[in-house]
Structures are given as structure tokens and as C-alpha cells.
Amino acid sequence: MTTDLSALHRRHFLAGGTVAAFGLAGPASAQAPAAGSGEPAKALPSYVAWKDADAFVVHSNQTLETKRDRIGSGIVTPTDRLFIRNNVNPPSDAIVADRDAWRVEIAGVTQPRTLTLGELKRMGLTSVATVLQCSGNGRKYMQDSLQPGQKISGTPWTVGAAGCVIWTGVPLRAVVDALGGPVQGAKFVTGTGGEDLPAGLKPKDVMVERSVPLSTLDTVLLAWELNGEPIPLAHGGPLRMIVPGFSGVNNVKYVKAVALTEQETEAKIQATSYRMHGVGEKGAPGQPSIWEQPVRSWITAPLGAGASGSTVVTGVAFGGMNAVARVEVSADGGKTWVEAPLVGPDLGRYAWRLFALRMDLPAGSHLLASRATDAMGNVQPEDTPPNGGGYSYNGWRGPAVPFEAA
């Protein structure tokens, strides 16, 4: 079941306990600061010029990472600080000029039909808070652990290719039921994106089309709002297929077709990409697909250096498919652990939780780390063995934060 946040989804903030969620931030700057010491500043791409430029490391026009110090102590990530990862260039903004006219084909049901967004809005409504996370979030930690001669290509994300947001739309189950239910033999939910494909290439080689197990039918959402506002083009508006608990690539942007299918799509992004394979190997259909997210956490403050003595260590934790049950914090690189209280409102099993622990950090060097356990007893490991795509990293050692107390 999705978390019912219909009374909250139009607010710009959520408050509860000792922590309040972020509201939408102020005007965006025109240019992002340097990604590292001595590097020139990188301007935000024009299609996301409305975002808070100071909040990002700009890896490329299609990959913007939220800086760790801008994640803050809020539960809901403001849209203008939410990371960007696009596999294909976004379509023209003409598709959001008349949002209700957007059309999505529903197939693999007894009564297949093409529906407008306006019609979908009359078929049901719910909201769900989810962690939206790129499949490669944390890839840098895998890249750093490679042996000589090994290579994992891809954006060197640390922890900033993730955010916790609220989606609002119609449950796919309601749409399927209204159209007579699934056809016999259906095993997957397959969503097709509406990106403009480069000319001269085979569509299946570049199109964003993903299949997830039919068991997700009761949780998939066809969403038209993000954090209480129409979904921006950069994040998949006017309509996006949301698969709570699943890795970001499965949440198809600009969704123009949803089909209940007997087989997985043959699109390259499904057949050979986003597969769990060894370093140096090629992806293949028989390998596990990058679907469900694992349990994960990281420290958000303090970072770098600060005063010795009483310090509040904060961070975020999530369980992917399961709720977070427990978070522990270490100030000595994992030698000893102390349980950290979860703070603020609980927005459901797919959202992240905030944790905060007051610690006494004497003068000197410390290594701050967090370790989460989900409701099924899955514990965040110290490290994640490298894989060929750098996917699904969830170790606690990689994102540990050196801190110098003066």
C-alpha cells in the first residue's frame, strides 16, 4: 500500500518531531560553484536553470549531484535541490504546455486504451513518499576500490544522486482494473518513455523502456505531481511512472505507454544495461536486473572540521523496499557503534528517515560513519563488492566522513 499523504502533498514543507522538512528554496543562481579545488565553475544546463545552482556538483549536462552539505536536515528534498540523471536528452518543453492533453497508451489489459492525463486524474488519487536514487549512487566508492587494470565507467557519484520526494498521481492498479484487469500470462509492468530519440540509431538501442515484475502492480503510480507541484520537465513531467522502492532507472520519465507484458522489454537499457555483472564483463539478459534498492545510510553533518566537544551527528537512512528499523553511528571508523534515534515524522516504508545523535567528540581526528538495519533485518555492509556497472553500492565505509575536531 502507498502512504496516503493527500492532506500534505500540496504543502511546501512537512514538520514533526524535532526536525522540519525543507520548503522550496529561493531563487536559483545562474552558475554552479567549482566541483573541486581549483576547478572552474560549471553553469547549470538551460533546462534546469531554475534549480539552486549552489547545491550541485555538475558532472555533465545530464548528471547533477546534490552536494552532501546541501542535503540538510529535512525529510523532503526540495525539487530545486533534487539530483538530475538523464539517459537521453529531455524532450521539448512543448510537452508540458498542455499537461492534461498528454496521452499514455495502456496495453496488456482486457480493454486496452489510450488515456489523456486529464482522464487519468478522474480515475483515482494517492500520494507516496519515496527515495528516488540513481542506480549508480555511490559508484565512486566502487571505482576507488578497484585493482590495477580494472575499470568501472560512469559518473563518479558519491551520495548525492538521491533524494526523498513526494509523488502524487493515480495508482496503476486503479487504471488496470478500470480497463478490465491484466491479460492472462502477464508477468511484467513495462513503461516506455517519451524522450526524443537521436536520428539514425535503432530505437531499442537508445529508448528508455523498463520492465519490472508484475508484483509491483499494487504500488506503481502514474504521477503528475512532485512535492505538490506539476512535475518539471527535467524530472519527467508531465507524467512519470513511479515504482516505489526500486532504483531510479525504473521510474520512467515522460511515460507514454504502460503495458502488462509476458516478457521483459528487449530495449538495451533493460536487456544488457543495468544488469548485475562482474567487472570487465558485459551485461546480458540472464543477469539480475537492477530493480530493488538495498538498505543504505550516510552522514550529512558535521562535515570536514569543527569545534570539539558536544556535536550532533545527523544523516539519512532508508531501506529500499523495507522500512528502516535501526541506525547506528560510529565516530572511530566502525570500531564501536552507538544507536542513533530516528527523528521527525515517518513518511512510510519507501521514504528515508532522519537520524540525529549527540556525541562528545574530543579534539583530534575522527571518522564518522552510519550503519542502517531495515525491518527485515538486512544490515548495511561495511563495503559492497565492485560490479561492472558500479550499481547498488550500499557500504557504510565508503561514505564515512573524516572530521577534525579542534
Protein backbone atom coordinates (compact mmCIF):
# COMPACT_ATOMS: atom_id res chain seq x y z
CA MET A 1 0.00 0.00 0.00
CA THR A 2 1.20 3.54 -0.67
CA THR A 3 1.38 6.07 2.12
CA ASP A 4 -1.61 8.38 1.97
CA LEU A 5 -0.24 11.91 2.06
CA SER A 6 -3.09 13.56 0.21
CA ALA A 7 -3.56 16.05 3.03
CA LEU A 8 0.09 17.04 2.82
CA HIS A 9 1.19 16.86 -0.78
CA ARG A 10 0.33 20.47 -1.63
CA ARG A 11 2.36 21.94 1.22
CA HIS A 12 5.85 23.19 0.64
CA PHE A 13 7.14 21.65 3.88
CA LEU A 14 6.48 18.89 6.42
CA ALA A 15 7.19 19.33 10.11
CA GLY A 16 7.15 16.98 13.05
CA GLY A 17 9.24 15.82 16.00
CA THR A 18 12.41 17.82 16.27
CA VAL A 19 13.11 18.21 12.58
CA ALA A 20 11.25 20.16 9.88
CA ALA A 21 11.45 19.32 6.21
CA PHE A 22 12.78 21.83 3.71
CA GLY A 23 10.47 24.21 1.96
CA LEU A 24 11.14 25.16 -1.60
CA ALA A 25 14.31 27.21 -1.75
CA GLY A 26 14.78 30.72 -3.02
CA PRO A 27 15.82 31.95 -6.46
CA ALA A 28 18.40 29.85 -8.29
CA SER A 29 21.81 31.25 -9.06
CA ALA A 30 22.99 31.29 -12.61
CA GLN A 31 26.09 29.21 -12.14
CA ALA A 32 27.26 26.28 -10.05
CA PRO A 33 30.42 26.66 -7.97
CA ALA A 34 33.55 24.64 -8.58
CA ALA A 35 33.18 20.88 -8.16
CA GLY A 36 36.65 20.67 -6.59
CA SER A 37 39.59 22.80 -5.60
CA GLY A 38 40.90 24.85 -8.48
CA GLU A 39 38.22 23.71 -10.93
CA PRO A 40 36.26 26.33 -12.88
CA ALA A 41 32.59 26.72 -12.06
CA LYS A 42 30.16 24.89 -14.33
CA ALA A 43 26.95 26.54 -15.41
CA LEU A 44 23.72 24.65 -14.97
CA PRO A 45 22.25 23.32 -18.23
CA SER A 46 19.48 25.58 -19.55
CA TYR A 47 16.73 23.03 -18.92
CA VAL A 48 17.47 23.14 -15.17
CA ALA A 49 18.43 26.82 -14.89
CA TRP A 50 15.63 27.19 -12.31
CA LYS A 51 17.45 24.97 -9.82
CA ASP A 52 19.60 26.12 -6.88
CA ALA A 53 22.98 26.16 -8.62
CA ASP A 54 24.92 26.32 -5.35
CA ALA A 55 23.51 22.92 -4.36
CA PHE A 56 25.11 20.89 -7.14
CA VAL A 57 28.25 19.32 -8.49
CA VAL A 58 27.74 19.43 -12.26
CA HIS A 59 29.27 16.26 -13.70
CA SER A 60 27.69 16.79 -17.14
CA ASN A 61 24.59 18.26 -18.74
CA GLN A 62 22.72 15.07 -17.82
CA THR A 63 24.24 14.38 -14.39
CA LEU A 64 23.93 16.84 -11.50
CA GLU A 65 24.74 15.64 -7.99
CA THR A 66 23.36 17.25 -4.84
CA LYS A 67 26.22 18.27 -2.57
CA ARG A 68 26.24 16.42 0.72
CA ASP A 69 26.23 19.63 2.74
CA ARG A 70 23.06 20.73 0.92
CA ILE A 71 21.05 17.61 1.77
CA GLY A 72 20.44 19.25 5.14
CA SER A 73 18.15 18.06 7.93
CA GLY A 74 14.88 17.94 6.04
CA ILE A 75 12.87 14.87 5.13
CA VAL A 76 11.53 16.06 1.80
CA THR A 77 14.18 17.11 -0.72
CA PRO A 78 13.25 20.43 -2.36
CA THR A 79 12.76 19.98 -6.08
CA ASP A 80 15.34 22.64 -6.87
CA ARG A 81 17.96 20.61 -4.98
CA LEU A 82 17.00 17.21 -6.37
CA PHE A 83 19.69 15.48 -8.44
CA ILE A 84 19.46 15.02 -12.20
CA ARG A 85 20.23 11.85 -14.15
CA ASN A 86 19.01 11.51 -17.72
CA ASN A 87 19.86 8.65 -20.08
CA VAL A 88 18.61 10.55 -23.13
CA ASN A 89 18.19 14.27 -23.76
CA PRO A 90 14.88 15.58 -22.41
CA PRO A 91 12.15 16.23 -24.97
CA SER A 92 10.94 19.69 -25.88
CA ASP A 93 9.19 21.66 -23.16
CA ALA A 94 6.23 21.82 -25.55
CA ILE A 95 5.01 18.59 -23.94
CA VAL A 96 4.24 20.44 -20.69
CA ALA A 97 2.41 23.33 -22.34
CA ASP A 98 -0.90 21.46 -22.05
CA ARG A 99 -0.26 18.78 -19.47
CA ASP A 100 -3.76 17.32 -19.37
CA ALA A 101 -3.54 16.58 -23.09
CA TRP A 102 -0.57 14.21 -22.63
CA ARG A 103 -1.52 10.74 -23.84
CA VAL A 104 -0.46 7.36 -22.44
CA GLU A 105 -1.26 4.04 -24.06
CA ILE A 106 -2.35 1.30 -21.63
CA ALA A 107 -1.88 -2.21 -23.07
CA GLY A 108 -1.82 -5.76 -21.75
CA VAL A 109 -5.28 -5.27 -20.25
CA THR A 110 -8.65 -6.67 -21.28
CA GLN A 111 -9.76 -3.33 -22.71
CA PRO A 112 -6.61 -1.56 -23.99
CA ARG A 113 -6.97 2.16 -24.40
CA THR A 114 -5.08 5.42 -24.78
CA LEU A 115 -5.86 7.86 -21.98
CA THR A 116 -5.07 11.52 -21.52
CA LEU A 117 -3.57 12.80 -18.31
CA GLY A 118 -6.84 14.64 -17.78
CA GLU A 119 -8.70 11.31 -17.88
CA LEU A 120 -6.21 9.69 -15.51
CA LYS A 121 -6.93 12.42 -12.98
CA ARG A 122 -10.54 11.22 -12.84
CA MET A 123 -9.59 7.61 -12.12
CA GLY A 124 -8.01 7.92 -8.67
CA LEU A 125 -5.57 9.79 -6.50
CA THR A 126 -2.92 8.91 -3.94
CA SER A 127 0.49 10.14 -2.79
CA VAL A 128 3.61 8.28 -1.81
CA ALA A 129 6.92 9.43 -0.35
CA THR A 130 9.88 7.61 -1.89
CA VAL A 131 13.64 7.74 -2.07
CA LEU A 132 14.49 8.47 -5.68
CA GLN A 133 18.04 7.25 -6.22
CA CYS A 134 20.23 6.73 -9.28
CA SER A 135 21.30 3.10 -9.65
CA GLY A 136 24.93 4.25 -9.65
CA ASN A 137 24.76 6.39 -6.50
CA GLY A 138 27.98 5.55 -4.63
CA ARG A 139 29.79 4.36 -7.77
CA LYS A 140 32.87 6.41 -6.83
CA TYR A 141 33.45 4.20 -3.80
CA MET A 142 33.49 1.13 -6.04
CA GLN A 143 35.76 2.86 -8.55
CA ASP A 144 38.19 3.77 -5.76
CA SER A 145 38.36 0.15 -4.59
CA LEU A 146 39.35 -1.39 -7.94
CA GLN A 147 42.52 -3.34 -8.51
CA PRO A 148 45.07 -2.19 -11.13
CA GLY A 149 43.76 -2.89 -14.61
CA GLN A 150 40.11 -2.89 -13.54
CA LYS A 151 37.69 -0.20 -14.68
CA ILE A 152 34.10 0.81 -13.96
CA SER A 153 32.88 3.57 -16.25
CA GLY A 154 30.14 6.00 -15.37
CA THR A 155 29.52 9.11 -13.31
CA PRO A 156 31.51 9.04 -10.04
CA TRP A 157 28.50 9.66 -7.79
CA THR A 158 29.11 9.73 -4.04
CA VAL A 159 25.86 10.14 -2.04
CA GLY A 160 24.16 12.99 -3.86
CA ALA A 161 22.33 11.09 -6.60
CA ALA A 162 19.39 10.58 -4.26
CA GLY A 163 16.55 12.49 -2.65
CA CYS A 164 13.34 11.84 -0.76
CA VAL A 165 10.30 13.27 -2.52
CA ILE A 166 6.50 13.05 -2.63
CA TRP A 167 4.75 11.88 -5.78
CA THR A 168 1.04 12.31 -6.44
CA GLY A 169 -0.96 10.57 -9.12
CA VAL A 170 -3.22 7.63 -9.84
CA PRO A 171 -2.41 4.05 -8.75
CA LEU A 172 -1.71 1.91 -11.80
CA ARG A 173 -3.89 -0.79 -10.22
CA ALA A 174 -6.91 1.54 -10.43
CA VAL A 175 -6.27 2.15 -14.12
CA VAL A 176 -5.79 -1.54 -14.90
CA ASP A 177 -8.93 -2.52 -13.00
CA ALA A 178 -10.94 0.13 -14.86
CA LEU A 179 -9.79 -1.42 -18.14
CA GLY A 180 -10.83 -4.95 -17.25
CA GLY A 181 -7.71 -6.22 -15.47
CA PRO A 182 -4.47 -7.80 -16.73
CA VAL A 183 -4.40 -10.12 -19.70
CA GLN A 184 -3.62 -13.75 -18.99
CA GLY A 185 0.09 -14.52 -18.82
CA ALA A 186 1.23 -11.02 -17.86
CA LYS A 187 4.39 -11.11 -15.75
CA PHE A 188 5.83 -7.61 -16.05
CA VAL A 189 4.87 -3.94 -15.98
CA THR A 190 6.68 -2.28 -18.88
CA GLY A 191 6.89 1.51 -19.14
CA THR A 192 8.05 3.41 -22.23
CA GLY A 193 9.49 6.93 -22.02
CA GLY A 194 8.70 9.76 -24.41
CA GLU A 195 12.20 11.16 -24.96
CA ASP A 196 13.18 12.45 -28.41
CA LEU A 197 15.45 9.75 -29.83
CA PRO A 198 18.57 10.64 -31.82
CA ALA A 199 18.19 10.13 -35.56
CA GLY A 200 20.00 7.29 -37.29
CA LEU A 201 20.01 4.91 -34.33
CA LYS A 202 17.91 1.84 -33.66
CA PRO A 203 15.14 2.90 -31.22
CA LYS A 204 15.63 -0.14 -28.98
CA ASP A 205 19.30 0.81 -28.55
CA VAL A 206 18.57 4.22 -27.02
CA MET A 207 14.96 4.33 -25.85
CA VAL A 208 14.14 4.33 -22.15
CA GLU A 209 11.83 1.36 -21.69
CA ARG A 210 11.93 -0.65 -18.49
CA SER A 211 10.15 -3.76 -17.24
CA VAL A 212 9.56 -4.53 -13.56
CA PRO A 213 7.86 -7.58 -12.03
CA LEU A 214 4.05 -7.67 -12.07
CA SER A 215 4.22 -7.90 -8.26
CA THR A 216 4.71 -4.11 -8.31
CA LEU A 217 1.26 -3.52 -9.82
CA ASP A 218 -0.26 -2.60 -6.46
CA THR A 219 2.39 0.04 -5.73
CA VAL A 220 3.20 1.60 -9.13
CA LEU A 221 1.96 5.16 -9.51
CA LEU A 222 1.36 7.21 -12.65
CA ALA A 223 2.39 10.55 -11.14
CA TRP A 224 1.81 14.09 -12.34
CA GLU A 225 2.93 16.00 -9.22
CA LEU A 226 6.28 16.17 -7.44
CA ASN A 227 6.34 17.75 -3.98
CA GLY A 228 2.90 19.24 -4.54
CA GLU A 229 3.65 20.88 -7.90
CA PRO A 230 3.35 19.70 -11.52
CA ILE A 231 6.39 17.52 -12.28
CA PRO A 232 9.04 19.66 -14.03
CA LEU A 233 10.18 18.57 -17.47
CA ALA A 234 13.63 17.81 -16.04
CA HIS A 235 12.13 15.23 -13.69
CA GLY A 236 9.82 13.52 -16.13
CA GLY A 237 6.76 15.75 -16.44
CA PRO A 238 4.02 15.77 -17.44
CA LEU A 239 3.71 12.10 -16.37
CA ARG A 240 6.12 9.68 -14.76
CA MET A 241 5.84 6.00 -13.82
CA ILE A 242 6.92 5.64 -10.20
CA VAL A 243 7.96 2.25 -8.80
CA PRO A 244 8.41 2.75 -5.02
CA GLY A 245 11.50 1.08 -3.57
CA PHE A 246 13.03 0.44 -6.99
CA SER A 247 16.15 2.06 -8.39
CA GLY A 248 15.74 5.34 -10.28
CA VAL A 249 16.05 3.99 -13.83
CA ASN A 250 12.82 2.02 -13.36
CA ASN A 251 10.88 5.23 -12.70
CA VAL A 252 10.26 6.04 -16.37
CA LYS A 253 10.08 9.74 -17.29
CA TYR A 254 7.62 11.20 -19.84
CA VAL A 255 5.83 7.85 -19.76
CA LYS A 256 3.80 7.43 -22.96
CA ALA A 257 2.97 3.73 -22.75
CA VAL A 258 2.44 1.22 -19.94
CA ALA A 259 1.91 -2.41 -20.84
CA LEU A 260 1.43 -5.58 -18.82
CA THR A 261 3.68 -7.97 -20.71
CA GLU A 262 4.64 -11.63 -20.69
CA GLN A 263 8.30 -10.86 -21.38
CA GLU A 264 10.74 -8.13 -20.38
CA THR A 265 11.36 -5.46 -22.98
CA GLU A 266 14.19 -6.07 -25.44
CA ALA A 267 15.34 -2.44 -25.18
CA LYS A 268 19.06 -2.25 -24.48
CA ILE A 269 18.51 -0.31 -21.24
CA GLN A 270 16.76 -3.44 -19.93
CA ALA A 271 18.33 -6.32 -21.84
CA THR A 272 22.03 -5.59 -21.26
CA SER A 273 22.30 -2.31 -19.33
CA TYR A 274 21.50 -2.04 -15.63
CA ARG A 275 22.39 -5.68 -15.07
CA MET A 276 24.47 -7.03 -12.20
CA HIS A 277 27.64 -8.37 -13.78
CA GLY A 278 31.29 -8.67 -12.89
CA VAL A 279 33.92 -6.02 -13.53
CA GLY A 280 35.18 -6.43 -17.09
CA GLU A 281 32.16 -8.48 -18.16
CA LYS A 282 29.36 -7.40 -20.49
CA GLY A 283 25.75 -7.12 -19.42
CA ALA A 284 23.39 -9.86 -20.58
CA PRO A 285 19.67 -10.66 -20.21
CA GLY A 286 20.31 -13.63 -17.91
CA GLN A 287 21.95 -11.48 -15.22
CA PRO A 288 19.97 -9.96 -12.31
CA SER A 289 18.29 -6.68 -13.24
CA ILE A 290 18.87 -3.55 -11.16
CA TRP A 291 15.47 -3.36 -9.52
CA GLU A 292 15.05 -3.16 -5.74
CA GLN A 293 17.20 -0.77 -3.73
CA PRO A 294 19.20 -2.09 -0.76
CA VAL A 295 19.32 -0.64 2.77
CA ARG A 296 21.57 2.40 2.97
CA SER A 297 22.54 5.45 5.07
CA TRP A 298 25.09 8.23 5.25
CA ILE A 299 26.17 11.13 7.46
CA THR A 300 25.07 14.64 6.44
CA ALA A 301 26.67 16.65 9.28
CA PRO A 302 29.15 17.56 10.64
CA LEU A 303 31.50 17.57 7.66
CA GLY A 304 35.20 18.34 7.48
CA ALA A 305 36.17 20.21 10.62
CA GLY A 306 34.62 21.90 13.62
CA ALA A 307 34.78 22.56 17.32
CA SER A 308 35.48 19.73 19.73
CA GLY A 309 33.01 18.76 22.43
CA SER A 310 29.28 18.26 22.11
CA THR A 311 28.28 17.69 18.47
CA VAL A 312 25.05 16.48 16.86
CA VAL A 313 25.75 13.91 14.15
CA THR A 314 22.93 13.73 11.60
CA GLY A 315 22.14 11.75 8.49
CA VAL A 316 19.60 9.92 6.39
CA ALA A 317 18.74 6.22 6.19
CA PHE A 318 16.39 4.14 4.06
CA GLY A 319 15.60 0.50 3.46
CA GLY A 320 14.71 0.44 -0.22
CA MET A 321 11.77 -1.96 -0.18
CA ASN A 322 11.56 -2.04 3.60
CA ALA A 323 11.23 0.47 6.39
CA VAL A 324 14.31 1.43 8.38
CA ALA A 325 14.31 -0.18 11.81
CA ARG A 326 17.60 1.00 13.31
CA VAL A 327 20.61 3.23 12.65
CA GLU A 328 23.96 3.15 14.42
CA VAL A 329 26.71 5.77 14.33
CA SER A 330 30.44 5.37 14.81
CA ALA A 331 33.00 8.11 15.45
CA ASP A 332 36.01 5.80 15.16
CA GLY A 333 35.60 4.30 11.72
CA GLY A 334 33.48 1.34 12.77
CA LYS A 335 35.37 0.11 15.83
CA THR A 336 32.48 0.98 18.11
CA TRP A 337 28.82 1.81 17.38
CA VAL A 338 26.08 3.72 19.20
CA GLU A 339 22.40 3.57 18.23
CA ALA A 340 21.09 6.88 16.88
CA PRO A 341 17.47 7.96 17.42
CA LEU A 342 15.27 8.34 14.37
CA VAL A 343 13.76 11.84 14.38
CA GLY A 344 10.98 13.65 12.59
CA PRO A 345 7.83 12.20 11.00
CA ASP A 346 7.79 8.76 9.41
CA LEU A 347 6.57 9.12 5.81
CA GLY A 348 6.35 5.40 5.14
CA ARG A 349 8.44 2.40 4.20
CA TYR A 350 9.81 3.88 0.95
CA ALA A 351 10.90 7.25 2.39
CA TRP A 352 14.11 7.93 4.19
CA ARG A 353 14.33 8.60 7.91
CA LEU A 354 16.43 11.22 9.60
CA PHE A 355 18.69 10.27 12.48
CA ALA A 356 20.43 12.53 14.99
CA LEU A 357 22.83 11.61 17.79
CA ARG A 358 24.57 13.97 20.19
CA MET A 359 28.18 12.88 20.62
CA ASP A 360 31.15 14.21 22.54
CA LEU A 361 34.00 14.46 20.06
CA PRO A 362 37.32 15.33 21.71
CA ALA A 363 39.99 17.29 19.85
CA GLY A 364 41.62 15.21 17.14
CA SER A 365 40.74 13.17 14.08
CA HIS A 366 37.52 11.17 13.81
CA LEU A 367 35.90 9.06 11.10
CA LEU A 368 32.11 9.37 11.26
CA ALA A 369 30.06 6.53 9.79
CA SER A 370 26.49 5.28 9.91
CA ARG A 371 25.06 1.78 9.56
CA ALA A 372 21.36 1.08 8.94
CA THR A 373 19.23 -2.02 9.51
CA ASP A 374 15.88 -2.48 7.79
CA ALA A 375 12.68 -4.01 9.13
CA MET A 376 13.59 -7.41 7.65
CA GLY A 377 16.91 -7.50 9.49
CA ASN A 378 19.11 -6.60 6.50
CA VAL A 379 22.18 -4.74 7.76
CA GLN A 380 24.19 -2.28 5.73
CA PRO A 381 27.57 -3.96 5.00
CA GLU A 382 30.97 -2.41 5.52
CA ASP A 383 31.57 -2.41 1.78
CA THR A 384 29.91 -3.54 -1.47
CA PRO A 385 31.89 -5.76 -3.85
CA PRO A 386 32.52 -3.94 -7.16
CA ASN A 387 30.35 -4.84 -10.14
CA GLY A 388 30.71 -3.94 -13.79
CA GLY A 389 28.20 -1.09 -13.73
CA GLY A 390 29.01 0.31 -10.31
CA TYR A 391 25.41 -0.29 -9.27
CA SER A 392 23.62 -0.60 -5.91
CA TYR A 393 26.51 0.45 -3.66
CA ASN A 394 25.39 0.42 -0.02
CA GLY A 395 28.52 0.03 2.08
CA TRP A 396 28.99 2.21 5.15
CA ARG A 397 32.78 2.51 4.80
CA GLY A 398 32.85 4.46 1.51
CA PRO A 399 30.72 7.45 2.55
CA ALA A 400 32.26 7.69 6.04
CA VAL A 401 33.22 11.31 6.85
CA PRO A 402 36.65 12.36 8.19
CA PHE A 403 36.14 15.05 10.84
CA GLU A 404 38.81 17.11 12.55
CA ALA A 405 37.73 18.46 15.95
CA ALA A 406 39.74 21.47 17.12
